[in-house]
């Protein structure tokens, strides 16, 4: 598939979602909570790989996405708390990035106990 088609479709979805979110917090949050990025990635993988590779690549992608989402969830509660406390948006985003990285690392170490390898 042409890379420009991928860029245009992906960008259009992101812009569309951000425009909806400007008008309605709830509807914007609902749309953002859908796994649109994962769906797009899986579609691009499906169209770009051969038949033999498709099932294994899509299966692995879906499974890893599940495990990687879990450590991001706490920050959807922490971000509004920090913003309501008056912290500057840039600082909140920095806390989000660092905190998520730490949670990813800790989550990966916990999953290693169950023979699930997330870290390369």
N, C-alpha and C. Protein backbone atom coordinates (compact mmCIF):
# COMPACT_ATOMS: atom_id res chain seq x y z
N UNK A 1 0.85 -1.18 0.00
CA UNK A 1 0.00 0.00 0.00
C UNK A 1 0.89 1.24 0.00
N UNK A 2 0.48 2.23 -0.72
CA UNK A 2 1.23 3.47 -0.83
C UNK A 2 1.35 4.14 0.55
N UNK A 3 2.56 4.53 0.90
CA UNK A 3 2.80 5.12 2.21
C UNK A 3 2.04 6.42 2.41
N UNK A 4 1.81 7.16 1.34
CA UNK A 4 1.09 8.43 1.44
C UNK A 4 -0.38 8.20 1.78
N UNK A 5 -0.95 7.11 1.30
CA UNK A 5 -2.32 6.77 1.66
C UNK A 5 -2.39 6.49 3.17
N UNK A 6 -1.41 5.76 3.68
CA UNK A 6 -1.35 5.48 5.12
C UNK A 6 -1.26 6.77 5.91
N UNK A 7 -0.36 7.66 5.49
CA UNK A 7 -0.20 8.95 6.18
C UNK A 7 -1.51 9.73 6.18
N UNK A 8 -2.15 9.83 5.04
CA UNK A 8 -3.37 10.62 4.92
C UNK A 8 -4.51 10.04 5.76
N UNK A 9 -4.71 8.74 5.68
CA UNK A 9 -5.78 8.11 6.47
C UNK A 9 -5.51 8.27 7.96
N UNK A 10 -4.29 7.98 8.38
CA UNK A 10 -3.93 8.07 9.79
C UNK A 10 -4.07 9.51 10.29
N UNK A 11 -3.54 10.45 9.54
CA UNK A 11 -3.63 11.86 9.93
C UNK A 11 -5.07 12.33 9.98
N UNK A 12 -5.88 11.93 9.01
CA UNK A 12 -7.28 12.34 8.99
C UNK A 12 -8.02 11.84 10.23
N UNK A 13 -7.74 10.64 10.65
CA UNK A 13 -8.39 10.10 11.84
C UNK A 13 -7.97 10.88 13.08
N UNK A 14 -6.68 11.16 13.21
CA UNK A 14 -6.18 11.90 14.38
C UNK A 14 -6.77 13.30 14.42
N UNK A 15 -6.76 13.99 13.29
CA UNK A 15 -7.33 15.33 13.23
C UNK A 15 -8.83 15.29 13.52
N UNK A 16 -9.52 14.33 12.94
CA UNK A 16 -10.95 14.19 13.18
C UNK A 16 -11.28 13.98 14.65
N UNK A 17 -10.53 13.11 15.30
CA UNK A 17 -10.76 12.84 16.72
C UNK A 17 -10.47 14.09 17.54
N UNK A 18 -9.41 14.81 17.25
CA UNK A 18 -9.10 16.01 18.02
C UNK A 18 -10.17 17.09 17.82
N UNK A 19 -10.75 17.18 16.63
CA UNK A 19 -11.83 18.13 16.38
C UNK A 19 -13.09 17.75 17.15
N UNK A 20 -13.41 16.48 17.19
CA UNK A 20 -14.56 16.01 17.97
C UNK A 20 -14.33 16.30 19.45
N UNK A 21 -13.12 16.03 19.95
CA UNK A 21 -12.80 16.23 21.36
C UNK A 21 -12.91 17.71 21.77
N UNK A 22 -12.64 18.63 20.85
CA UNK A 22 -12.80 20.06 21.15
C UNK A 22 -14.26 20.40 21.44
N UNK A 23 -15.16 19.71 20.79
CA UNK A 23 -16.58 20.01 20.91
C UNK A 23 -17.27 19.22 22.02
N UNK A 24 -16.77 18.02 22.30
CA UNK A 24 -17.40 17.18 23.32
C UNK A 24 -16.33 16.34 24.02
N UNK A 25 -16.10 16.64 25.29
CA UNK A 25 -15.12 15.87 26.07
C UNK A 25 -15.48 14.39 26.11
N UNK A 26 -16.75 14.10 26.36
CA UNK A 26 -17.17 12.71 26.50
C UNK A 26 -17.06 11.95 25.19
N UNK A 27 -17.56 12.53 24.11
CA UNK A 27 -17.49 11.84 22.82
C UNK A 27 -16.04 11.71 22.36
N UNK A 28 -15.25 12.76 22.56
CA UNK A 28 -13.82 12.69 22.21
C UNK A 28 -13.11 11.60 22.99
N UNK A 29 -13.40 11.50 24.30
CA UNK A 29 -12.78 10.46 25.13
C UNK A 29 -13.22 9.07 24.69
N UNK A 30 -14.50 8.94 24.34
CA UNK A 30 -15.00 7.65 23.86
C UNK A 30 -14.26 7.21 22.60
N UNK A 31 -14.13 8.12 21.66
CA UNK A 31 -13.45 7.79 20.40
C UNK A 31 -11.98 7.48 20.65
N UNK A 32 -11.33 8.29 21.49
CA UNK A 32 -9.91 8.06 21.78
C UNK A 32 -9.69 6.74 22.51
N UNK A 33 -10.67 6.33 23.31
CA UNK A 33 -10.50 5.07 24.04
C UNK A 33 -10.58 3.85 23.12
N UNK A 34 -11.13 4.04 21.94
CA UNK A 34 -11.15 2.94 20.97
C UNK A 34 -9.72 2.69 20.49
N UNK A 35 -9.39 1.47 20.24
CA UNK A 35 -8.00 1.18 19.82
C UNK A 35 -7.75 1.53 18.34
N UNK A 36 -7.95 2.80 17.99
CA UNK A 36 -7.82 3.21 16.59
C UNK A 36 -6.40 3.05 16.06
N UNK A 37 -5.42 3.41 16.87
CA UNK A 37 -4.03 3.29 16.43
C UNK A 37 -3.69 1.82 16.21
N UNK A 38 -4.13 0.97 17.13
CA UNK A 38 -3.89 -0.46 16.98
C UNK A 38 -4.60 -1.01 15.75
N UNK A 39 -5.84 -0.58 15.55
CA UNK A 39 -6.59 -1.01 14.38
C UNK A 39 -5.87 -0.61 13.09
N UNK A 40 -5.43 0.64 13.04
CA UNK A 40 -4.71 1.10 11.84
C UNK A 40 -3.41 0.32 11.64
N UNK A 41 -2.66 0.14 12.72
CA UNK A 41 -1.41 -0.61 12.61
C UNK A 41 -1.66 -2.02 12.11
N UNK A 42 -2.70 -2.65 12.64
CA UNK A 42 -3.00 -4.01 12.20
C UNK A 42 -3.45 -4.04 10.74
N UNK A 43 -4.21 -3.04 10.33
CA UNK A 43 -4.59 -2.96 8.92
C UNK A 43 -3.37 -2.80 8.03
N UNK A 44 -2.46 -1.90 8.42
CA UNK A 44 -1.25 -1.67 7.60
C UNK A 44 -0.39 -2.93 7.59
N UNK A 45 -0.27 -3.63 8.72
CA UNK A 45 0.48 -4.89 8.74
C UNK A 45 -0.18 -5.90 7.81
N UNK A 46 -1.50 -6.00 7.89
CA UNK A 46 -2.24 -6.96 7.07
C UNK A 46 -1.99 -6.71 5.58
N UNK A 47 -2.09 -5.45 5.16
CA UNK A 47 -1.94 -5.13 3.75
C UNK A 47 -0.49 -5.19 3.27
N UNK A 48 0.47 -5.08 4.19
CA UNK A 48 1.88 -5.02 3.79
C UNK A 48 2.64 -6.34 3.89
N UNK A 49 2.05 -7.35 4.50
CA UNK A 49 2.78 -8.61 4.68
C UNK A 49 2.16 -9.71 3.82
N UNK A 50 2.92 -10.75 3.66
CA UNK A 50 2.42 -11.88 2.87
C UNK A 50 1.44 -12.71 3.70
N UNK A 51 0.72 -13.59 3.08
CA UNK A 51 -0.30 -14.39 3.76
C UNK A 51 0.26 -15.18 4.94
N UNK A 52 1.44 -15.77 4.76
CA UNK A 52 2.01 -16.60 5.83
C UNK A 52 2.35 -15.77 7.07
N UNK A 53 2.77 -14.55 6.84
CA UNK A 53 3.19 -13.71 7.95
C UNK A 53 2.03 -13.04 8.66
N UNK A 54 0.93 -12.85 7.99
CA UNK A 54 -0.17 -12.04 8.51
C UNK A 54 -0.68 -12.50 9.86
N UNK A 55 -1.01 -13.76 9.97
CA UNK A 55 -1.62 -14.26 11.20
C UNK A 55 -0.66 -14.12 12.36
N UNK A 56 0.58 -14.50 12.19
CA UNK A 56 1.52 -14.43 13.31
C UNK A 56 1.82 -12.98 13.69
N UNK A 57 1.98 -12.10 12.71
CA UNK A 57 2.26 -10.69 13.01
C UNK A 57 1.07 -10.02 13.70
N UNK A 58 -0.13 -10.26 13.20
CA UNK A 58 -1.31 -9.64 13.79
C UNK A 58 -1.58 -10.20 15.18
N UNK A 59 -1.39 -11.50 15.34
CA UNK A 59 -1.59 -12.13 16.64
C UNK A 59 -0.61 -11.57 17.67
N UNK A 60 0.64 -11.50 17.31
CA UNK A 60 1.66 -10.98 18.23
C UNK A 60 1.40 -9.51 18.55
N UNK A 61 1.04 -8.74 17.52
CA UNK A 61 0.78 -7.32 17.73
C UNK A 61 -0.37 -7.12 18.72
N UNK A 62 -1.45 -7.85 18.55
CA UNK A 62 -2.61 -7.73 19.43
C UNK A 62 -2.25 -8.12 20.87
N UNK A 63 -1.53 -9.21 21.02
CA UNK A 63 -1.16 -9.68 22.37
C UNK A 63 -0.24 -8.68 23.07
N UNK A 64 0.78 -8.21 22.39
CA UNK A 64 1.69 -7.24 23.00
C UNK A 64 0.98 -5.93 23.31
N UNK A 65 0.07 -5.51 22.45
CA UNK A 65 -0.68 -4.28 22.71
C UNK A 65 -1.45 -4.40 24.02
N UNK A 66 -2.07 -5.55 24.24
CA UNK A 66 -2.80 -5.75 25.49
C UNK A 66 -1.87 -5.54 26.69
N UNK A 67 -0.73 -6.20 26.68
CA UNK A 67 0.18 -6.12 27.82
C UNK A 67 0.76 -4.71 27.99
N UNK A 68 0.97 -3.98 26.90
CA UNK A 68 1.53 -2.64 26.99
C UNK A 68 0.50 -1.60 27.44
N UNK A 69 -0.78 -1.86 27.24
CA UNK A 69 -1.81 -0.90 27.65
C UNK A 69 -1.94 -0.84 29.18
N UNK A 70 -1.81 -1.95 29.83
CA UNK A 70 -2.06 -2.04 31.27
C UNK A 70 -1.28 -0.98 32.07
N UNK A 71 0.03 -0.82 31.89
CA UNK A 71 0.73 0.16 32.72
C UNK A 71 0.43 1.63 32.36
N UNK A 72 -0.29 1.88 31.28
CA UNK A 72 -0.64 3.27 30.95
C UNK A 72 -1.91 3.72 31.66
N UNK A 73 -2.73 2.78 32.09
CA UNK A 73 -4.04 3.11 32.64
C UNK A 73 -4.02 4.00 33.89
N UNK A 74 -3.10 3.79 34.85
CA UNK A 74 -3.13 4.64 36.04
C UNK A 74 -2.99 6.14 35.72
N UNK A 75 -2.30 6.46 34.67
CA UNK A 75 -2.08 7.88 34.39
C UNK A 75 -3.31 8.59 33.84
N UNK A 76 -4.31 7.84 33.40
CA UNK A 76 -5.55 8.49 32.99
C UNK A 76 -6.31 8.98 34.22
N UNK A 77 -5.95 8.49 35.39
CA UNK A 77 -6.48 9.02 36.64
C UNK A 77 -5.56 10.07 37.23
N UNK A 78 -4.26 9.90 37.07
CA UNK A 78 -3.28 10.83 37.66
C UNK A 78 -3.27 12.17 36.92
N UNK A 79 -3.38 12.16 35.60
CA UNK A 79 -3.32 13.40 34.82
C UNK A 79 -4.38 14.40 35.27
N UNK A 80 -5.66 14.03 35.37
CA UNK A 80 -6.64 15.04 35.81
C UNK A 80 -6.39 15.54 37.23
N UNK A 81 -5.91 14.67 38.10
CA UNK A 81 -5.61 15.08 39.47
C UNK A 81 -4.52 16.13 39.48
N UNK A 82 -3.43 15.88 38.74
CA UNK A 82 -2.32 16.83 38.70
C UNK A 82 -2.73 18.15 38.07
N UNK A 83 -3.52 18.10 37.01
CA UNK A 83 -3.97 19.33 36.37
C UNK A 83 -4.89 20.13 37.28
N UNK A 84 -5.77 19.45 38.01
CA UNK A 84 -6.66 20.15 38.95
C UNK A 84 -5.90 20.77 40.11
N UNK A 85 -4.75 20.20 40.44
CA UNK A 85 -3.92 20.76 41.50
C UNK A 85 -3.16 22.00 41.02
N UNK A 86 -3.27 22.31 39.73
CA UNK A 86 -2.66 23.53 39.21
C UNK A 86 -1.28 23.35 38.61
N UNK A 87 -0.83 22.10 38.46
CA UNK A 87 0.47 21.91 37.82
C UNK A 87 0.39 22.29 36.35
N UNK A 88 1.46 22.85 35.85
CA UNK A 88 1.51 23.27 34.45
C UNK A 88 1.40 22.03 33.55
N UNK A 89 0.71 22.20 32.43
CA UNK A 89 0.49 21.09 31.50
C UNK A 89 1.81 20.40 31.10
N UNK A 90 2.85 21.19 30.83
CA UNK A 90 4.13 20.61 30.43
C UNK A 90 4.71 19.71 31.51
N UNK A 91 4.60 20.14 32.76
CA UNK A 91 5.09 19.33 33.87
C UNK A 91 4.27 18.05 34.02
N UNK A 92 2.96 18.17 33.85
CA UNK A 92 2.10 16.99 33.94
C UNK A 92 2.47 15.98 32.85
N UNK A 93 2.74 16.46 31.65
CA UNK A 93 3.12 15.56 30.56
C UNK A 93 4.48 14.92 30.83
N UNK A 94 5.39 15.66 31.43
CA UNK A 94 6.69 15.10 31.80
C UNK A 94 6.50 14.00 32.85
N UNK A 95 5.68 14.28 33.87
CA UNK A 95 5.39 13.28 34.89
C UNK A 95 4.74 12.05 34.25
N UNK A 96 3.83 12.29 33.33
CA UNK A 96 3.17 11.20 32.61
C UNK A 96 4.18 10.33 31.87
N UNK A 97 5.07 10.96 31.12
CA UNK A 97 6.06 10.20 30.33
C UNK A 97 7.01 9.41 31.22
N UNK A 98 7.56 10.07 32.22
CA UNK A 98 8.50 9.39 33.12
C UNK A 98 7.78 8.29 33.91
N UNK A 99 6.61 8.63 34.44
CA UNK A 99 5.86 7.65 35.23
C UNK A 99 5.46 6.44 34.40
N UNK A 100 5.02 6.68 33.18
CA UNK A 100 4.64 5.56 32.32
C UNK A 100 5.84 4.69 32.00
N UNK A 101 6.99 5.31 31.74
CA UNK A 101 8.21 4.54 31.48
C UNK A 101 8.54 3.65 32.68
N UNK A 102 8.45 4.21 33.88
CA UNK A 102 8.75 3.44 35.09
C UNK A 102 7.75 2.29 35.24
N UNK A 103 6.46 2.59 35.03
CA UNK A 103 5.45 1.52 35.14
C UNK A 103 5.63 0.45 34.07
N UNK A 104 6.00 0.85 32.85
CA UNK A 104 6.29 -0.13 31.81
C UNK A 104 7.40 -1.07 32.26
N UNK A 105 8.47 -0.50 32.78
CA UNK A 105 9.61 -1.31 33.21
C UNK A 105 9.20 -2.27 34.33
N UNK A 106 8.51 -1.74 35.34
CA UNK A 106 8.08 -2.59 36.46
C UNK A 106 7.11 -3.68 35.99
N UNK A 107 6.18 -3.32 35.11
CA UNK A 107 5.21 -4.27 34.57
C UNK A 107 5.94 -5.37 33.79
N UNK A 108 6.92 -4.99 33.00
CA UNK A 108 7.68 -5.98 32.24
C UNK A 108 8.41 -6.95 33.17
N UNK A 109 8.94 -6.43 34.26
CA UNK A 109 9.64 -7.30 35.22
C UNK A 109 8.65 -8.26 35.90
N UNK A 110 7.46 -7.79 36.22
CA UNK A 110 6.45 -8.67 36.81
C UNK A 110 6.06 -9.76 35.82
N UNK A 111 5.84 -9.38 34.57
CA UNK A 111 5.42 -10.36 33.56
C UNK A 111 6.51 -11.38 33.26
N UNK A 112 7.78 -11.00 33.45
CA UNK A 112 8.87 -11.97 33.27
C UNK A 112 8.70 -13.16 34.21
N UNK A 113 8.11 -12.93 35.37
CA UNK A 113 7.86 -14.03 36.31
C UNK A 113 6.91 -15.06 35.73
N UNK A 114 6.12 -14.65 34.74
CA UNK A 114 5.16 -15.54 34.07
C UNK A 114 5.61 -15.90 32.66
N UNK A 115 6.90 -15.71 32.40
CA UNK A 115 7.50 -16.02 31.09
C UNK A 115 6.89 -15.22 29.93
N UNK A 116 6.49 -14.01 30.22
CA UNK A 116 6.04 -13.08 29.17
C UNK A 116 7.10 -12.00 29.04
N UNK A 117 7.73 -11.96 27.88
CA UNK A 117 8.85 -11.03 27.64
C UNK A 117 8.37 -9.81 26.87
N UNK A 118 8.38 -8.65 27.51
CA UNK A 118 8.01 -7.41 26.82
C UNK A 118 9.21 -6.58 26.42
N UNK A 119 10.27 -6.68 27.20
CA UNK A 119 11.46 -5.89 26.90
C UNK A 119 12.34 -6.65 25.89
N UNK A 120 12.92 -5.90 24.95
CA UNK A 120 13.77 -6.57 23.94
C UNK A 120 15.03 -7.15 24.55
